[in-house]
Structure formats: structure tokens, C-alpha cells
N, C-alpha and C. Protein backbone atom coordinates (compact mmCIF):
# COMPACT_ATOMS: atom_id res chain seq x y z
N MET A 1 5.01 19.50 -17.40
CA MET A 1 5.04 18.07 -17.67
C MET A 1 3.90 17.73 -18.62
N ASN A 2 4.16 16.86 -19.53
CA ASN A 2 3.20 16.42 -20.52
C ASN A 2 2.03 15.70 -19.85
N PHE A 3 0.82 15.89 -20.39
CA PHE A 3 -0.37 15.26 -19.83
C PHE A 3 -0.25 13.75 -19.80
N ARG A 4 0.36 13.18 -20.83
CA ARG A 4 0.51 11.71 -20.90
C ARG A 4 1.39 11.20 -19.76
N TYR A 5 2.47 11.92 -19.46
CA TYR A 5 3.36 11.51 -18.37
C TYR A 5 2.67 11.67 -17.03
N LYS A 6 1.88 12.73 -16.90
CA LYS A 6 1.12 12.91 -15.66
C LYS A 6 0.18 11.74 -15.43
N SER A 7 -0.48 11.32 -16.49
CA SER A 7 -1.43 10.21 -16.37
C SER A 7 -0.72 8.92 -15.98
N VAL A 8 0.41 8.66 -16.60
CA VAL A 8 1.16 7.43 -16.30
C VAL A 8 1.64 7.44 -14.85
N ILE A 9 2.19 8.55 -14.40
CA ILE A 9 2.67 8.64 -13.02
C ILE A 9 1.51 8.51 -12.04
N TYR A 10 0.39 9.13 -12.36
CA TYR A 10 -0.78 9.04 -11.50
C TYR A 10 -1.27 7.60 -11.41
N ILE A 11 -1.28 6.90 -12.53
CA ILE A 11 -1.69 5.49 -12.55
C ILE A 11 -0.74 4.65 -11.71
N VAL A 12 0.55 4.94 -11.77
CA VAL A 12 1.53 4.23 -10.93
C VAL A 12 1.17 4.43 -9.45
N GLY A 13 0.83 5.66 -9.08
CA GLY A 13 0.43 5.93 -7.69
C GLY A 13 -0.81 5.14 -7.30
N VAL A 14 -1.78 5.08 -8.19
CA VAL A 14 -3.01 4.33 -7.91
C VAL A 14 -2.71 2.84 -7.78
N VAL A 15 -1.87 2.31 -8.65
CA VAL A 15 -1.51 0.88 -8.59
C VAL A 15 -0.79 0.57 -7.27
N LEU A 16 0.13 1.43 -6.86
CA LEU A 16 0.82 1.22 -5.58
C LEU A 16 -0.15 1.26 -4.41
N LEU A 17 -1.13 2.16 -4.47
CA LEU A 17 -2.15 2.22 -3.42
C LEU A 17 -3.00 0.96 -3.42
N ILE A 18 -3.36 0.48 -4.59
CA ILE A 18 -4.16 -0.75 -4.68
C ILE A 18 -3.39 -1.94 -4.13
N ILE A 19 -2.10 -2.01 -4.41
CA ILE A 19 -1.27 -3.10 -3.87
C ILE A 19 -1.28 -3.05 -2.34
N SER A 20 -1.15 -1.87 -1.78
CA SER A 20 -1.15 -1.73 -0.33
C SER A 20 -2.51 -2.11 0.26
N ILE A 21 -3.58 -1.69 -0.41
CA ILE A 21 -4.93 -2.03 0.07
C ILE A 21 -5.16 -3.54 0.01
N LEU A 22 -4.77 -4.17 -1.09
CA LEU A 22 -4.94 -5.63 -1.22
C LEU A 22 -4.15 -6.38 -0.16
N ASN A 23 -2.96 -5.89 0.14
CA ASN A 23 -2.14 -6.51 1.18
C ASN A 23 -2.87 -6.48 2.53
N LYS A 24 -3.46 -5.34 2.85
CA LYS A 24 -4.21 -5.22 4.11
C LYS A 24 -5.45 -6.10 4.10
N ILE A 25 -6.15 -6.16 2.96
CA ILE A 25 -7.35 -6.99 2.87
C ILE A 25 -7.00 -8.46 3.07
N TRP A 26 -5.89 -8.92 2.44
CA TRP A 26 -5.47 -10.31 2.62
C TRP A 26 -5.16 -10.60 4.08
N TRP A 27 -4.48 -9.68 4.75
CA TRP A 27 -4.15 -9.89 6.16
C TRP A 27 -5.42 -9.94 7.01
N ILE A 28 -6.35 -9.03 6.79
CA ILE A 28 -7.59 -9.00 7.56
C ILE A 28 -8.40 -10.27 7.30
N TYR A 29 -8.43 -10.71 6.05
CA TYR A 29 -9.14 -11.94 5.73
C TYR A 29 -8.54 -13.14 6.45
N MET A 30 -7.22 -13.22 6.47
CA MET A 30 -6.57 -14.33 7.18
C MET A 30 -6.82 -14.25 8.68
N CYS A 31 -6.92 -13.06 9.21
CA CYS A 31 -7.21 -12.90 10.64
C CYS A 31 -8.61 -13.39 10.99
N THR A 32 -9.54 -13.32 10.04
CA THR A 32 -10.88 -13.81 10.31
C THR A 32 -10.97 -15.33 10.22
N LYS A 33 -10.05 -15.94 9.49
CA LYS A 33 -10.07 -17.40 9.33
C LYS A 33 -9.36 -18.15 10.45
N TYR A 34 -8.34 -17.53 11.03
CA TYR A 34 -7.51 -18.20 12.03
C TYR A 34 -7.51 -17.40 13.32
N THR A 35 -7.36 -18.13 14.43
CA THR A 35 -7.35 -17.45 15.72
C THR A 35 -5.94 -17.25 16.27
N GLU A 36 -5.05 -18.17 15.98
CA GLU A 36 -3.67 -18.08 16.47
C GLU A 36 -2.84 -17.22 15.52
N PHE A 37 -1.97 -16.40 16.09
CA PHE A 37 -1.15 -15.50 15.27
C PHE A 37 -0.25 -16.27 14.32
N GLU A 38 0.41 -17.31 14.81
CA GLU A 38 1.34 -18.06 13.96
C GLU A 38 0.61 -18.74 12.80
N GLU A 39 -0.59 -19.27 13.04
CA GLU A 39 -1.37 -19.86 11.95
C GLU A 39 -1.74 -18.80 10.92
N THR A 40 -2.15 -17.64 11.41
CA THR A 40 -2.53 -16.54 10.54
C THR A 40 -1.35 -16.10 9.69
N LYS A 41 -0.20 -15.94 10.33
CA LYS A 41 1.00 -15.50 9.64
C LYS A 41 1.41 -16.51 8.57
N THR A 42 1.37 -17.79 8.92
CA THR A 42 1.74 -18.85 7.97
C THR A 42 0.79 -18.86 6.77
N ALA A 43 -0.51 -18.75 7.03
CA ALA A 43 -1.49 -18.74 5.95
C ALA A 43 -1.32 -17.50 5.06
N TYR A 44 -1.06 -16.37 5.67
CA TYR A 44 -0.85 -15.12 4.93
C TYR A 44 0.39 -15.23 4.05
N LEU A 45 1.47 -15.71 4.61
CA LEU A 45 2.72 -15.82 3.84
C LEU A 45 2.62 -16.87 2.74
N SER A 46 1.71 -17.85 2.89
CA SER A 46 1.56 -18.87 1.86
C SER A 46 0.95 -18.31 0.57
N LEU A 47 0.38 -17.11 0.64
CA LEU A 47 -0.18 -16.47 -0.55
C LEU A 47 0.90 -15.96 -1.50
N PHE A 48 2.11 -15.82 -1.01
CA PHE A 48 3.19 -15.22 -1.78
C PHE A 48 4.21 -16.28 -2.20
N PRO A 49 4.96 -16.00 -3.28
CA PRO A 49 6.03 -16.93 -3.67
C PRO A 49 7.09 -17.03 -2.57
N LYS A 50 7.79 -18.13 -2.52
CA LYS A 50 8.77 -18.38 -1.46
C LYS A 50 9.81 -17.28 -1.33
N PHE A 51 10.28 -16.73 -2.45
CA PHE A 51 11.37 -15.77 -2.38
C PHE A 51 10.96 -14.42 -1.78
N ILE A 52 9.65 -14.14 -1.65
CA ILE A 52 9.24 -12.91 -0.97
C ILE A 52 8.37 -13.19 0.25
N ALA A 53 8.19 -14.45 0.61
CA ALA A 53 7.34 -14.82 1.74
C ALA A 53 8.06 -14.59 3.06
N ASN A 54 8.30 -13.34 3.36
CA ASN A 54 8.95 -12.92 4.60
C ASN A 54 8.16 -11.74 5.14
N ALA A 55 7.69 -11.83 6.37
CA ALA A 55 6.81 -10.79 6.93
C ALA A 55 7.49 -9.42 6.95
N PHE A 56 8.75 -9.37 7.34
CA PHE A 56 9.45 -8.08 7.39
C PHE A 56 9.60 -7.50 5.99
N PHE A 57 9.97 -8.32 5.02
CA PHE A 57 10.13 -7.86 3.64
C PHE A 57 8.81 -7.35 3.08
N LEU A 58 7.72 -8.09 3.29
CA LEU A 58 6.42 -7.69 2.77
C LEU A 58 5.94 -6.39 3.41
N THR A 59 6.17 -6.25 4.71
CA THR A 59 5.78 -5.02 5.40
C THR A 59 6.62 -3.85 4.90
N SER A 60 7.90 -4.09 4.69
CA SER A 60 8.77 -3.03 4.16
C SER A 60 8.33 -2.61 2.76
N MET A 61 7.99 -3.57 1.92
CA MET A 61 7.52 -3.25 0.58
C MET A 61 6.19 -2.49 0.63
N ASP A 62 5.35 -2.84 1.58
CA ASP A 62 4.08 -2.14 1.74
C ASP A 62 4.32 -0.70 2.17
N ILE A 63 5.27 -0.48 3.08
CA ILE A 63 5.61 0.88 3.51
C ILE A 63 6.15 1.67 2.34
N ILE A 64 7.02 1.07 1.57
CA ILE A 64 7.61 1.76 0.41
C ILE A 64 6.53 2.08 -0.62
N ALA A 65 5.67 1.12 -0.92
CA ALA A 65 4.62 1.34 -1.92
C ALA A 65 3.67 2.45 -1.50
N SER A 66 3.19 2.39 -0.27
CA SER A 66 2.25 3.43 0.17
C SER A 66 2.97 4.77 0.36
N GLY A 67 4.24 4.74 0.74
CA GLY A 67 5.01 5.99 0.88
C GLY A 67 5.22 6.67 -0.46
N ILE A 68 5.54 5.89 -1.49
CA ILE A 68 5.69 6.47 -2.83
C ILE A 68 4.35 7.00 -3.33
N ALA A 69 3.27 6.29 -3.03
CA ALA A 69 1.95 6.76 -3.42
C ALA A 69 1.63 8.09 -2.74
N VAL A 70 1.99 8.23 -1.46
CA VAL A 70 1.76 9.50 -0.76
C VAL A 70 2.50 10.62 -1.47
N ILE A 71 3.75 10.38 -1.81
CA ILE A 71 4.56 11.41 -2.47
C ILE A 71 3.96 11.79 -3.83
N ILE A 72 3.55 10.79 -4.60
CA ILE A 72 2.96 11.05 -5.92
C ILE A 72 1.69 11.88 -5.77
N PHE A 73 0.80 11.46 -4.88
CA PHE A 73 -0.46 12.18 -4.73
C PHE A 73 -0.26 13.58 -4.14
N LEU A 74 0.73 13.74 -3.26
CA LEU A 74 1.04 15.06 -2.71
C LEU A 74 1.52 16.00 -3.82
N LYS A 75 2.41 15.52 -4.67
CA LYS A 75 2.92 16.33 -5.78
C LYS A 75 1.79 16.74 -6.72
N PHE A 76 0.90 15.81 -7.03
CA PHE A 76 -0.19 16.12 -7.93
C PHE A 76 -1.22 17.03 -7.28
N LYS A 77 -1.45 16.87 -5.98
CA LYS A 77 -2.36 17.77 -5.27
C LYS A 77 -1.81 19.19 -5.30
N ASN A 78 -0.53 19.34 -5.04
CA ASN A 78 0.09 20.66 -5.05
C ASN A 78 0.13 21.27 -6.45
N ALA A 79 0.20 20.41 -7.47
CA ALA A 79 0.21 20.90 -8.85
C ALA A 79 -1.20 21.20 -9.37
N GLY A 80 -2.20 20.81 -8.61
CA GLY A 80 -3.58 21.07 -9.01
C GLY A 80 -4.16 20.05 -9.98
N TYR A 81 -3.48 18.93 -10.17
CA TYR A 81 -3.95 17.88 -11.07
C TYR A 81 -4.85 16.94 -10.28
N LEU A 82 -6.14 16.92 -10.62
CA LEU A 82 -7.14 16.14 -9.87
C LEU A 82 -6.98 16.41 -8.36
N LYS A 83 -7.07 17.65 -7.99
CA LYS A 83 -6.70 18.10 -6.65
C LYS A 83 -7.46 17.38 -5.53
N SER A 84 -8.79 17.33 -5.63
CA SER A 84 -9.56 16.71 -4.54
C SER A 84 -9.35 15.20 -4.50
N THR A 85 -9.29 14.57 -5.66
CA THR A 85 -9.04 13.13 -5.71
C THR A 85 -7.66 12.81 -5.18
N SER A 86 -6.68 13.62 -5.58
CA SER A 86 -5.31 13.40 -5.10
C SER A 86 -5.23 13.55 -3.59
N LYS A 87 -5.97 14.50 -3.04
CA LYS A 87 -5.95 14.72 -1.59
C LYS A 87 -6.52 13.50 -0.86
N VAL A 88 -7.64 12.98 -1.34
CA VAL A 88 -8.25 11.80 -0.71
C VAL A 88 -7.31 10.59 -0.80
N LEU A 89 -6.75 10.36 -1.98
CA LEU A 89 -5.84 9.22 -2.16
C LEU A 89 -4.57 9.39 -1.34
N MET A 90 -4.11 10.63 -1.18
CA MET A 90 -2.93 10.89 -0.35
C MET A 90 -3.22 10.56 1.11
N ILE A 91 -4.41 10.92 1.58
CA ILE A 91 -4.78 10.62 2.97
C ILE A 91 -4.90 9.12 3.19
N ILE A 92 -5.52 8.43 2.25
CA ILE A 92 -5.65 6.96 2.37
C ILE A 92 -4.26 6.32 2.37
N SER A 93 -3.40 6.76 1.47
CA SER A 93 -2.04 6.21 1.40
C SER A 93 -1.28 6.49 2.69
N SER A 94 -1.46 7.67 3.26
CA SER A 94 -0.78 8.03 4.51
C SER A 94 -1.23 7.13 5.66
N ILE A 95 -2.51 6.88 5.73
CA ILE A 95 -3.05 6.02 6.78
C ILE A 95 -2.48 4.60 6.65
N LEU A 96 -2.47 4.08 5.43
CA LEU A 96 -1.94 2.73 5.21
C LEU A 96 -0.44 2.65 5.49
N CYS A 97 0.28 3.71 5.14
CA CYS A 97 1.73 3.75 5.41
C CYS A 97 1.96 3.75 6.93
N GLY A 98 1.21 4.58 7.65
CA GLY A 98 1.33 4.62 9.10
C GLY A 98 0.97 3.29 9.74
N TRP A 99 -0.08 2.66 9.23
CA TRP A 99 -0.49 1.36 9.74
C TRP A 99 0.64 0.35 9.57
N SER A 100 1.26 0.34 8.42
CA SER A 100 2.36 -0.59 8.16
C SER A 100 3.57 -0.30 9.04
N ILE A 101 3.87 0.97 9.24
CA ILE A 101 5.01 1.34 10.09
C ILE A 101 4.77 0.86 11.52
N PHE A 102 3.58 1.09 12.04
CA PHE A 102 3.32 0.69 13.41
C PHE A 102 3.14 -0.82 13.56
N SER A 103 2.85 -1.52 12.48
CA SER A 103 2.76 -2.98 12.58
C SER A 103 4.15 -3.61 12.71
N LEU A 104 5.19 -2.89 12.33
CA LEU A 104 6.55 -3.40 12.52
C LEU A 104 7.02 -3.28 13.96
N MET A 105 6.42 -2.37 14.71
CA MET A 105 6.89 -2.12 16.08
C MET A 105 6.47 -3.16 17.05
């Protein structure tokens, strides 16, 4: 695979990981501002446009984003492209994906 394509795919993985991290940060921030779950959920969902302001949809998108990031970083780790960085980012993505999966339960 061409170096340029590797870089673009790797950047996509990083962007997906950043999206997942920001989603968690927003949720944690809202949890510090409100004590009631429903108030927290309403405030969190108000950050998003109406057409995606659905907790199940956002959690599903977070699972998909972090899951794709895990796959990207796993492939690059196995290919030896930024091996140690890819391993760390893969572990972080895996943790966030697991967190999102268990938050649906």
C-alpha cells in the first residue's frame, strides 16, 4: 500500500478515536453539571442537532467509530506501521468501544 494511503487511513482512525473521546468527555462534563439522569441526558442531547439527538443512535455511532478505529489500528500494528503508537491507540479504542457497548446494557 502506498505511504500516502496509509497516512490517510491512519488519520481517519485517529479522527474516529478523537470523536469517540470527545463524546465521552461531553458526557462526563454533563454528569458533573447535573445530578439527575434525565437532566443530564437532556443537556447532553441538546449538544447535537435534532436529527441525531437520540441516545441509542449516538451510542451506536460511538461503538461503530471506536470499532472501526480498533480495526484500523490493529491492521497497522500488524503491518508494522507506527507499531507502538498503533498498539496504544488500539487499546484506547478498544476500551472506549467496550465502554459504549456496556453503556447500552
